[in-house]
Amino acid sequence: QTVMLLLRAEGVHSCPQVMWTMFRRTVSEIAGADDDLVLLCGVAVGYEREGAVRLRTGRAEMTETVRFIGT
């Protein structure tokens, strides 16, 4: 979120994405995540195209897609 806000302050847009992280094992160890969890992260960065069609897709409930560790 902080990175996305800093980008916006500079006039650049961003969009959170999903991708396989190269450091899954390291992050899992630090976060204390079980081996059966998959950790994902990604952000698309660029400039807004004026006049582009804005699409809004449906969203799954957070309880379906997120598991908080250590709370």
PDB file of N, CA and C in Angstrom:
ATOM      1  N   GLN A   1       0.816  -1.173   0.000  1.00  0.00           N
ATOM      2  CA  GLN A   1       0.000   0.000   0.000  1.00  0.00           C
ATOM      3  C   GLN A   1       0.865   1.243   0.000  1.00  0.00           C
ATOM      4  N   THR A   2       1.894   1.261   0.800  1.00  0.00           N
ATOM      5  CA  THR A   2       2.760   2.441   0.873  1.00  0.00           C
ATOM      6  C   THR A   2       3.425   2.698  -0.475  1.00  0.00           C
ATOM      7  N   VAL A   3       3.919   1.645  -1.116  1.00  0.00           N
ATOM      8  CA  VAL A   3       4.541   1.803  -2.429  1.00  0.00           C
ATOM      9  C   VAL A   3       3.529   2.352  -3.423  1.00  0.00           C
ATOM     10  N   MET A   4       2.312   1.838  -3.388  1.00  0.00           N
ATOM     11  CA  MET A   4       1.281   2.306  -4.315  1.00  0.00           C
ATOM     12  C   MET A   4       0.940   3.774  -4.071  1.00  0.00           C
ATOM     13  N   LEU A   5       0.900   4.198  -2.828  1.00  0.00           N
ATOM     14  CA  LEU A   5       0.631   5.603  -2.513  1.00  0.00           C
ATOM     15  C   LEU A   5       1.774   6.505  -2.961  1.00  0.00           C
ATOM     16  N   LEU A   6       3.009   6.046  -2.786  1.00  0.00           N
ATOM     17  CA  LEU A   6       4.164   6.826  -3.245  1.00  0.00           C
ATOM     18  C   LEU A   6       4.170   6.963  -4.767  1.00  0.00           C
ATOM     19  N   LEU A   7       3.821   5.887  -5.474  1.00  0.00           N
ATOM     20  CA  LEU A   7       3.722   5.949  -6.927  1.00  0.00           C
ATOM     21  C   LEU A   7       2.677   6.977  -7.358  1.00  0.00           C
ATOM     22  N   ARG A   8       1.527   6.934  -6.709  1.00  0.00           N
ATOM     23  CA  ARG A   8       0.429   7.862  -7.057  1.00  0.00           C
ATOM     24  C   ARG A   8       0.844   9.308  -6.826  1.00  0.00           C
ATOM     25  N   ALA A   9       1.600   9.551  -5.754  1.00  0.00           N
ATOM     26  CA  ALA A   9       2.078  10.908  -5.469  1.00  0.00           C
ATOM     27  C   ALA A   9       2.986  11.419  -6.588  1.00  0.00           C
ATOM     28  N   GLU A  10       3.604  10.491  -7.328  1.00  0.00           N
ATOM     29  CA  GLU A  10       4.476  10.859  -8.449  1.00  0.00           C
ATOM     30  C   GLU A  10       3.743  10.830  -9.782  1.00  0.00           C
ATOM     31  N   GLY A  11       2.416  10.623  -9.745  1.00  0.00           N
ATOM     32  CA  GLY A  11       1.616  10.629 -10.968  1.00  0.00           C
ATOM     33  C   GLY A  11       1.580   9.309 -11.707  1.00  0.00           C
ATOM     34  N   VAL A  12       2.012   8.241 -11.051  1.00  0.00           N
ATOM     35  CA  VAL A  12       2.020   6.920 -11.667  1.00  0.00           C
ATOM     36  C   VAL A  12       0.922   6.075 -11.028  1.00  0.00           C
ATOM     37  N   HIS A  13       0.209   5.329 -11.838  1.00  0.00           N
ATOM     38  CA  HIS A  13      -0.838   4.451 -11.332  1.00  0.00           C
ATOM     39  C   HIS A  13      -0.274   3.065 -11.069  1.00  0.00           C
ATOM     40  N   SER A  14      -0.950   2.314 -10.226  1.00  0.00           N
ATOM     41  CA  SER A  14      -0.536   0.934  -9.950  1.00  0.00           C
ATOM     42  C   SER A  14      -1.772   0.090  -9.694  1.00  0.00           C
ATOM     43  N   CYS A  15      -1.582  -1.205  -9.818  1.00  0.00           N
ATOM     44  CA  CYS A  15      -2.685  -2.136  -9.620  1.00  0.00           C
ATOM     45  C   CYS A  15      -2.139  -3.411  -9.003  1.00  0.00           C
ATOM     46  N   PRO A  16      -2.625  -3.802  -7.822  1.00  0.00           N
ATOM     47  CA  PRO A  16      -2.140  -5.047  -7.230  1.00  0.00           C
ATOM     48  C   PRO A  16      -2.481  -6.235  -8.125  1.00  0.00           C
ATOM     49  N   GLN A  17      -1.531  -7.131  -8.271  1.00  0.00           N
ATOM     50  CA  GLN A  17      -1.673  -8.327  -9.099  1.00  0.00           C
ATOM     51  C   GLN A  17      -1.300  -9.546  -8.264  1.00  0.00           C
ATOM     52  N   VAL A  18      -1.389 -10.705  -8.875  1.00  0.00           N
ATOM     53  CA  VAL A  18      -0.984 -11.944  -8.214  1.00  0.00           C
ATOM     54  C   VAL A  18       0.080 -12.601  -9.086  1.00  0.00           C
ATOM     55  N   MET A  19       1.144 -13.070  -8.470  1.00  0.00           N
ATOM     56  CA  MET A  19       2.190 -13.796  -9.186  1.00  0.00           C
ATOM     57  C   MET A  19       2.918 -14.714  -8.218  1.00  0.00           C
ATOM     58  N   TRP A  20       3.617 -15.721  -8.735  1.00  0.00           N
ATOM     59  CA  TRP A  20       4.425 -16.583  -7.873  1.00  0.00           C
ATOM     60  C   TRP A  20       5.632 -15.800  -7.431  1.00  0.00           C
ATOM     61  N   THR A  21       5.878 -15.756  -6.168  1.00  0.00           N
ATOM     62  CA  THR A  21       7.051 -15.046  -5.672  1.00  0.00           C
ATOM     63  C   THR A  21       8.277 -15.951  -5.707  1.00  0.00           C
ATOM     64  N   MET A  22       9.405 -15.396  -6.082  1.00  0.00           N
ATOM     65  CA  MET A  22      10.649 -16.162  -6.152  1.00  0.00           C
ATOM     66  C   MET A  22      11.167 -16.502  -4.755  1.00  0.00           C
ATOM     67  N   PHE A  23      10.702 -15.778  -3.763  1.00  0.00           N
ATOM     68  CA  PHE A  23      11.233 -15.939  -2.409  1.00  0.00           C
ATOM     69  C   PHE A  23      10.208 -16.576  -1.470  1.00  0.00           C
ATOM     70  N   ARG A  24       9.356 -17.451  -2.008  1.00  0.00           N
ATOM     71  CA  ARG A  24       8.278 -18.040  -1.220  1.00  0.00           C
ATOM     72  C   ARG A  24       8.793 -18.729   0.034  1.00  0.00           C
ATOM     73  N   ARG A  25       9.845 -19.515  -0.088  1.00  0.00           N
ATOM     74  CA  ARG A  25      10.355 -20.251   1.082  1.00  0.00           C
ATOM     75  C   ARG A  25      10.885 -19.296   2.153  1.00  0.00           C
ATOM     76  N   THR A  26      11.658 -18.299   1.732  1.00  0.00           N
ATOM     77  CA  THR A  26      12.227 -17.342   2.692  1.00  0.00           C
ATOM     78  C   THR A  26      11.123 -16.581   3.410  1.00  0.00           C
ATOM     79  N   VAL A  27      10.146 -16.062   2.646  1.00  0.00           N
ATOM     80  CA  VAL A  27       9.046 -15.302   3.248  1.00  0.00           C
ATOM     81  C   VAL A  27       8.224 -16.208   4.160  1.00  0.00           C
ATOM     82  N   SER A  28       7.987 -17.444   3.747  1.00  0.00           N
ATOM     83  CA  SER A  28       7.230 -18.383   4.576  1.00  0.00           C
ATOM     84  C   SER A  28       7.918 -18.628   5.909  1.00  0.00           C
ATOM     85  N   GLU A  29       9.234 -18.791   5.873  1.00  0.00           N
ATOM     86  CA  GLU A  29       9.982 -19.007   7.119  1.00  0.00           C
ATOM     87  C   GLU A  29       9.881 -17.795   8.043  1.00  0.00           C
ATOM     88  N   ILE A  30      10.069 -16.605   7.485  1.00  0.00           N
ATOM     89  CA  ILE A  30      10.016 -15.378   8.296  1.00  0.00           C
ATOM     90  C   ILE A  30       8.614 -15.149   8.851  1.00  0.00           C
ATOM     91  N   ALA A  31       7.588 -15.394   8.019  1.00  0.00           N
ATOM     92  CA  ALA A  31       6.197 -15.170   8.442  1.00  0.00           C
ATOM     93  C   ALA A  31       5.663 -16.306   9.298  1.00  0.00           C
ATOM     94  N   GLY A  32       6.381 -17.434   9.322  1.00  0.00           N
ATOM     95  CA  GLY A  32       5.909 -18.584  10.085  1.00  0.00           C
ATOM     96  C   GLY A  32       4.748 -19.286   9.421  1.00  0.00           C
ATOM     97  N   ALA A  33       4.680 -19.210   8.087  1.00  0.00           N
ATOM     98  CA  ALA A  33       3.579 -19.827   7.345  1.00  0.00           C
ATOM     99  C   ALA A  33       3.808 -21.326   7.197  1.00  0.00           C
ATOM    100  N   ASP A  34       2.749 -22.100   7.266  1.00  0.00           N
ATOM    101  CA  ASP A  34       2.820 -23.545   7.062  1.00  0.00           C
ATOM    102  C   ASP A  34       3.210 -23.851   5.616  1.00  0.00           C
ATOM    103  N   ASP A  35       3.774 -25.032   5.393  1.00  0.00           N
ATOM    104  CA  ASP A  35       4.199 -25.442   4.056  1.00  0.00           C
ATOM    105  C   ASP A  35       3.039 -25.582   3.077  1.00  0.00           C
ATOM    106  N   ASP A  36       1.815 -25.764   3.578  1.00  0.00           N
ATOM    107  CA  ASP A  36       0.675 -25.935   2.678  1.00  0.00           C
ATOM    108  C   ASP A  36       0.098 -24.611   2.181  1.00  0.00           C
ATOM    109  N   LEU A  37       0.698 -23.478   2.585  1.00  0.00           N
ATOM    110  CA  LEU A  37       0.231 -22.168   2.133  1.00  0.00           C
ATOM    111  C   LEU A  37       1.085 -21.676   0.967  1.00  0.00           C
ATOM    112  N   VAL A  38       0.464 -20.923   0.058  1.00  0.00           N
ATOM    113  CA  VAL A  38       1.169 -20.312  -1.059  1.00  0.00           C
ATOM    114  C   VAL A  38       1.101 -18.805  -0.864  1.00  0.00           C
ATOM    115  N   LEU A  39       2.250 -18.146  -0.836  1.00  0.00           N
ATOM    116  CA  LEU A  39       2.299 -16.702  -0.647  1.00  0.00           C
ATOM    117  C   LEU A  39       2.512 -16.026  -1.996  1.00  0.00           C
ATOM    118  N   LEU A  40       1.679 -15.050  -2.319  1.00  0.00           N
ATOM    119  CA  LEU A  40       1.719 -14.380  -3.614  1.00  0.00           C
ATOM    120  C   LEU A  40       1.815 -12.872  -3.436  1.00  0.00           C
ATOM    121  N   CYS A  41       2.440 -12.202  -4.423  1.00  0.00           N
ATOM    122  CA  CYS A  41       2.533 -10.748  -4.374  1.00  0.00           C
ATOM    123  C   CYS A  41       2.858 -10.231  -5.774  1.00  0.00           C
ATOM    124  N   GLY A  42       2.341  -9.082  -6.112  1.00  0.00           N
ATOM    125  CA  GLY A  42       2.675  -8.451  -7.383  1.00  0.00           C
ATOM    126  C   GLY A  42       1.952  -7.130  -7.545  1.00  0.00           C
ATOM    127  N   VAL A  43       2.557  -6.173  -8.279  1.00  0.00           N
ATOM    128  CA  VAL A  43       1.942  -4.872  -8.538  1.00  0.00           C
ATOM    129  C   VAL A  43       2.289  -4.449  -9.963  1.00  0.00           C
ATOM    130  N   ALA A  44       1.273  -4.127 -10.746  1.00  0.00           N
ATOM    131  CA  ALA A  44       1.492  -3.555 -12.076  1.00  0.00           C
ATOM    132  C   ALA A  44       1.648  -2.050 -11.918  1.00  0.00           C
ATOM    133  N   VAL A  45       2.587  -1.462 -12.659  1.00  0.00           N
ATOM    134  CA  VAL A  45       2.876  -0.027 -12.538  1.00  0.00           C
ATOM    135  C   VAL A  45       2.862   0.590 -13.934  1.00  0.00           C
ATOM    136  N   GLY A  46       2.246   1.769 -14.063  1.00  0.00           N
ATOM    137  CA  GLY A  46       2.245   2.441 -15.355  1.00  0.00           C
ATOM    138  C   GLY A  46       1.455   3.729 -15.323  1.00  0.00           C
ATOM    139  N   TYR A  47       1.268   4.310 -16.486  1.00  0.00           N
ATOM    140  CA  TYR A  47       0.516   5.553 -16.617  1.00  0.00           C
ATOM    141  C   TYR A  47      -0.883   5.249 -17.129  1.00  0.00           C
ATOM    142  N   GLU A  48      -1.855   5.990 -16.639  1.00  0.00           N
ATOM    143  CA  GLU A  48      -3.239   5.792 -17.057  1.00  0.00           C
ATOM    144  C   GLU A  48      -3.423   6.230 -18.500  1.00  0.00           C
ATOM    145  N   ARG A  49      -4.139   5.413 -19.266  1.00  0.00           N
ATOM    146  CA  ARG A  49      -4.469   5.772 -20.638  1.00  0.00           C
ATOM    147  C   ARG A  49      -5.796   6.511 -20.623  1.00  0.00           C
ATOM    148  N   GLU A  50      -5.781   7.764 -21.024  1.00  0.00           N
ATOM    149  CA  GLU A  50      -6.998   8.571 -21.051  1.00  0.00           C
ATOM    150  C   GLU A  50      -8.019   7.950 -21.982  1.00  0.00           C
ATOM    151  N   GLY A  51      -9.258   7.878 -21.533  1.00  0.00           N
ATOM    152  CA  GLY A  51     -10.343   7.350 -22.346  1.00  0.00           C
ATOM    153  C   GLY A  51     -10.463   5.833 -22.343  1.00  0.00           C
ATOM    154  N   ALA A  52      -9.611   5.161 -21.611  1.00  0.00           N
ATOM    155  CA  ALA A  52      -9.678   3.695 -21.560  1.00  0.00           C
ATOM    156  C   ALA A  52     -10.936   3.260 -20.811  1.00  0.00           C
ATOM    157  N   VAL A  53     -11.511   2.152 -21.264  1.00  0.00           N
ATOM    158  CA  VAL A  53     -12.691   1.607 -20.606  1.00  0.00           C
ATOM    159  C   VAL A  53     -12.278   1.062 -19.247  1.00  0.00           C
ATOM    160  N   ARG A  54     -13.020   1.419 -18.211  1.00  0.00           N
ATOM    161  CA  ARG A  54     -12.719   0.934 -16.864  1.00  0.00           C
ATOM    162  C   ARG A  54     -13.590  -0.275 -16.560  1.00  0.00           C
ATOM    163  N   LEU A  55     -12.945  -1.383 -16.274  1.00  0.00           N
ATOM    164  CA  LEU A  55     -13.660  -2.615 -15.960  1.00  0.00           C
ATOM    165  C   LEU A  55     -13.621  -2.862 -14.465  1.00  0.00           C
ATOM    166  N   ARG A  56     -14.708  -3.355 -13.930  1.00  0.00           N
ATOM    167  CA  ARG A  56     -14.785  -3.723 -12.512  1.00  0.00           C
ATOM    168  C   ARG A  56     -15.173  -5.188 -12.450  1.00  0.00           C
ATOM    169  N   THR A  57     -14.320  -6.025 -11.912  1.00  0.00           N
ATOM    170  CA  THR A  57     -14.621  -7.448 -11.817  1.00  0.00           C
ATOM    171  C   THR A  57     -15.152  -7.779 -10.431  1.00  0.00           C
ATOM    172  N   GLY A  58     -15.815  -8.921 -10.320  1.00  0.00           N
ATOM    173  CA  GLY A  58     -16.323  -9.356  -9.028  1.00  0.00           C
ATOM    174  C   GLY A  58     -15.182  -9.746  -8.100  1.00  0.00           C
ATOM    175  N   ARG A  59     -15.433  -9.725  -6.821  1.00  0.00           N
ATOM    176  CA  ARG A  59     -14.416 -10.048  -5.830  1.00  0.00           C
ATOM    177  C   ARG A  59     -14.907 -11.172  -4.934  1.00  0.00           C
ATOM    178  N   ALA A  60     -14.022 -12.099  -4.622  1.00  0.00           N
ATOM    179  CA  ALA A  60     -14.329 -13.153  -3.652  1.00  0.00           C
ATOM    180  C   ALA A  60     -14.288 -12.537  -2.255  1.00  0.00           C
ATOM    181  N   GLU A  61     -15.018 -13.129  -1.343  1.00  0.00           N
ATOM    182  CA  GLU A  61     -14.968 -12.677   0.045  1.00  0.00           C
ATOM    183  C   GLU A  61     -13.554 -12.892   0.586  1.00  0.00           C
ATOM    184  N   MET A  62     -13.088 -11.984   1.435  1.00  0.00           N
ATOM    185  CA  MET A  62     -11.743 -12.081   1.973  1.00  0.00           C
ATOM    186  C   MET A  62     -11.531 -13.397   2.718  1.00  0.00           C
ATOM    187  N   THR A  63     -12.562 -13.890   3.377  1.00  0.00           N
ATOM    188  CA  THR A  63     -12.434 -15.146   4.123  1.00  0.00           C
ATOM    189  C   THR A  63     -12.156 -16.331   3.196  1.00  0.00           C
ATOM    190  N   GLU A  64     -12.472 -16.198   1.899  1.00  0.00           N
ATOM    191  CA  GLU A  64     -12.207 -17.252   0.924  1.00  0.00           C
ATOM    192  C   GLU A  64     -10.769 -17.243   0.422  1.00  0.00           C
ATOM    193  N   THR A  65     -10.106 -16.104   0.519  1.00  0.00           N
ATOM    194  CA  THR A  65      -8.802 -15.961  -0.131  1.00  0.00           C
ATOM    195  C   THR A  65      -7.650 -15.587   0.784  1.00  0.00           C
ATOM    196  N   VAL A  66      -7.941 -15.194   2.040  1.00  0.00           N
ATOM    197  CA  VAL A  66      -6.885 -14.696   2.926  1.00  0.00           C
ATOM    198  C   VAL A  66      -6.877 -15.481   4.228  1.00  0.00           C
ATOM    199  N   ARG A  67      -5.677 -15.761   4.705  1.00  0.00           N
ATOM    200  CA  ARG A  67      -5.518 -16.380   6.027  1.00  0.00           C
ATOM    201  C   ARG A  67      -4.466 -15.587   6.774  1.00  0.00           C
ATOM    202  N   PHE A  68      -4.828 -14.995   7.920  1.00  0.00           N
ATOM    203  CA  PHE A  68      -3.912 -14.218   8.724  1.00  0.00           C
ATOM    204  C   PHE A  68      -3.126 -15.163   9.642  1.00  0.00           C
ATOM    205  N   ILE A  69      -1.823 -14.970   9.689  1.00  0.00           N
ATOM    206  CA  ILE A  69      -0.940 -15.831  10.467  1.00  0.00           C
ATOM    207  C   ILE A  69      -0.540 -15.094  11.730  1.00  0.00           C
ATOM    208  N   GLY A  70      -0.669 -15.766  12.874  1.00  0.00           N
ATOM    209  CA  GLY A  70      -0.222 -15.181  14.133  1.00  0.00           C
ATOM    210  C   GLY A  70      -1.172 -14.178  14.768  1.00  0.00           C
ATOM    211  N   THR A  71      -2.442 -14.189  14.371  1.00  0.00           N
ATOM    212  CA  THR A  71      -3.413 -13.274  14.998  1.00  0.00           C
ATOM    213  C   THR A  71      -4.460 -14.057  15.742  1.00  0.00           C
TER     214      THR A  71
END
